[in-house]
Amino acid sequence: MENILELLYDQPARVHEKDSPFVNTAQIRNKHMELLTDSMTDEQKDLLEAYFEADDKIDNMMNFDRFQYAFHLGAQFMAEILEGRGKLLNQ
């Protein structure tokens, strides 16, 4: 059995199959977006595009914040594990 650090480091990438709930939901979203934009004026499409760009920027900022938190937490785990390992070896 692998230790927790190996499991966290070697976590397999998530690959979504063509019939997965993720892919099905994405297809439904895309279909609805096509229907919505087909009924919009050019000005409305520009406003919607500006909204999506701002939303993407916010998502990127939030993802970076999550990464920072997770990285910091991981470093704290590592420091605690290494400190504990040293205590075990000195006994």
Protein backbone atom coordinates (compact mmCIF):
# COMPACT_ATOMS: atom_id res chain seq x y z
CA MET A 1 0.00 0.00 0.00
CA GLU A 2 1.24 3.46 -0.88
CA ASN A 3 1.64 6.08 1.79
CA ILE A 4 -0.58 9.16 1.79
CA LEU A 5 2.06 11.36 0.15
CA GLU A 6 2.42 8.97 -2.78
CA LEU A 7 -1.35 8.77 -3.16
CA LEU A 8 -1.67 12.56 -3.20
CA TYR A 9 1.27 13.04 -5.57
CA ASP A 10 0.28 10.30 -8.02
CA GLN A 11 -3.43 11.08 -8.07
CA PRO A 12 -4.72 10.02 -11.48
CA ALA A 13 -6.04 12.68 -13.81
CA ARG A 14 -9.79 12.67 -14.28
CA VAL A 15 -10.72 11.72 -17.81
CA HIS A 16 -14.38 12.10 -18.68
CA GLU A 17 -15.82 9.46 -20.96
CA LYS A 18 -18.12 10.52 -23.80
CA ASP A 19 -21.20 9.31 -21.90
CA SER A 20 -20.20 10.68 -18.49
CA PRO A 21 -22.51 13.02 -16.57
CA PHE A 22 -19.91 15.78 -16.97
CA VAL A 23 -19.86 15.53 -20.77
CA ASN A 24 -23.65 15.21 -20.98
CA THR A 25 -24.12 18.32 -18.84
CA ALA A 26 -21.58 20.26 -20.92
CA GLN A 27 -23.41 19.31 -24.11
CA ILE A 28 -26.74 20.46 -22.66
CA ARG A 29 -25.18 23.75 -21.56
CA ASN A 30 -23.70 24.32 -25.03
CA LYS A 31 -27.05 23.56 -26.70
CA HIS A 32 -28.84 26.02 -24.43
CA MET A 33 -26.19 28.68 -25.06
CA GLU A 34 -26.64 28.27 -28.82
CA LEU A 35 -30.41 28.64 -28.48
CA LEU A 36 -29.99 31.71 -26.30
CA THR A 37 -27.45 33.48 -28.51
CA ASP A 38 -29.44 32.73 -31.67
CA SER A 39 -32.26 34.84 -30.25
CA MET A 40 -30.05 37.79 -29.22
CA THR A 41 -29.08 41.01 -30.95
CA ASP A 42 -25.41 41.79 -31.59
CA GLU A 43 -25.41 44.26 -28.70
CA GLN A 44 -26.83 41.65 -26.34
CA LYS A 45 -24.22 39.14 -27.53
CA ASP A 46 -21.46 41.67 -26.79
CA LEU A 47 -22.84 42.24 -23.29
CA LEU A 48 -23.05 38.50 -22.68
CA GLU A 49 -19.47 38.04 -23.90
CA ALA A 50 -18.26 40.81 -21.55
CA TYR A 51 -20.10 39.10 -18.71
CA PHE A 52 -18.45 35.75 -19.48
CA GLU A 53 -15.00 37.36 -19.66
CA ALA A 54 -15.49 38.97 -16.24
CA ASP A 55 -16.83 35.70 -14.86
CA ASP A 56 -13.78 33.83 -16.21
CA LYS A 57 -11.45 36.34 -14.55
CA ILE A 58 -13.24 35.85 -11.23
CA ASP A 59 -13.06 32.05 -11.60
CA ASN A 60 -9.33 32.26 -12.34
CA MET A 61 -8.75 34.40 -9.26
CA MET A 62 -10.74 31.99 -7.10
CA ASN A 63 -8.88 28.99 -8.53
CA PHE A 64 -5.57 30.66 -7.75
CA ASP A 65 -6.73 31.36 -4.19
CA ARG A 66 -7.70 27.70 -3.80
CA PHE A 67 -4.34 26.61 -5.18
CA GLN A 68 -2.48 28.90 -2.76
CA TYR A 69 -4.47 27.56 0.18
CA ALA A 70 -3.97 23.92 -0.86
CA PHE A 71 -0.26 24.43 -1.50
CA HIS A 72 0.20 26.09 1.90
CA LEU A 73 -1.79 23.33 3.60
CA GLY A 74 0.28 20.69 1.81
CA ALA A 75 3.50 22.36 2.92
CA GLN A 76 2.23 22.38 6.50
CA PHE A 77 1.37 18.67 6.24
CA MET A 78 4.84 17.91 4.89
CA ALA A 79 6.54 19.89 7.65
CA GLU A 80 4.49 18.10 10.29
CA ILE A 81 5.12 14.69 8.76
CA LEU A 82 8.86 15.31 8.48
CA GLU A 83 9.00 16.61 12.04
CA GLY A 84 7.08 13.58 13.28
CA ARG A 85 9.27 11.21 11.30
CA GLY A 86 12.36 12.69 12.92
CA LYS A 87 10.85 12.19 16.36
CA LEU A 88 10.09 8.55 15.52
CA LEU A 89 13.63 7.88 14.32
CA ASN A 90 15.21 9.44 17.42
CA GLN A 91 13.35 7.17 19.84
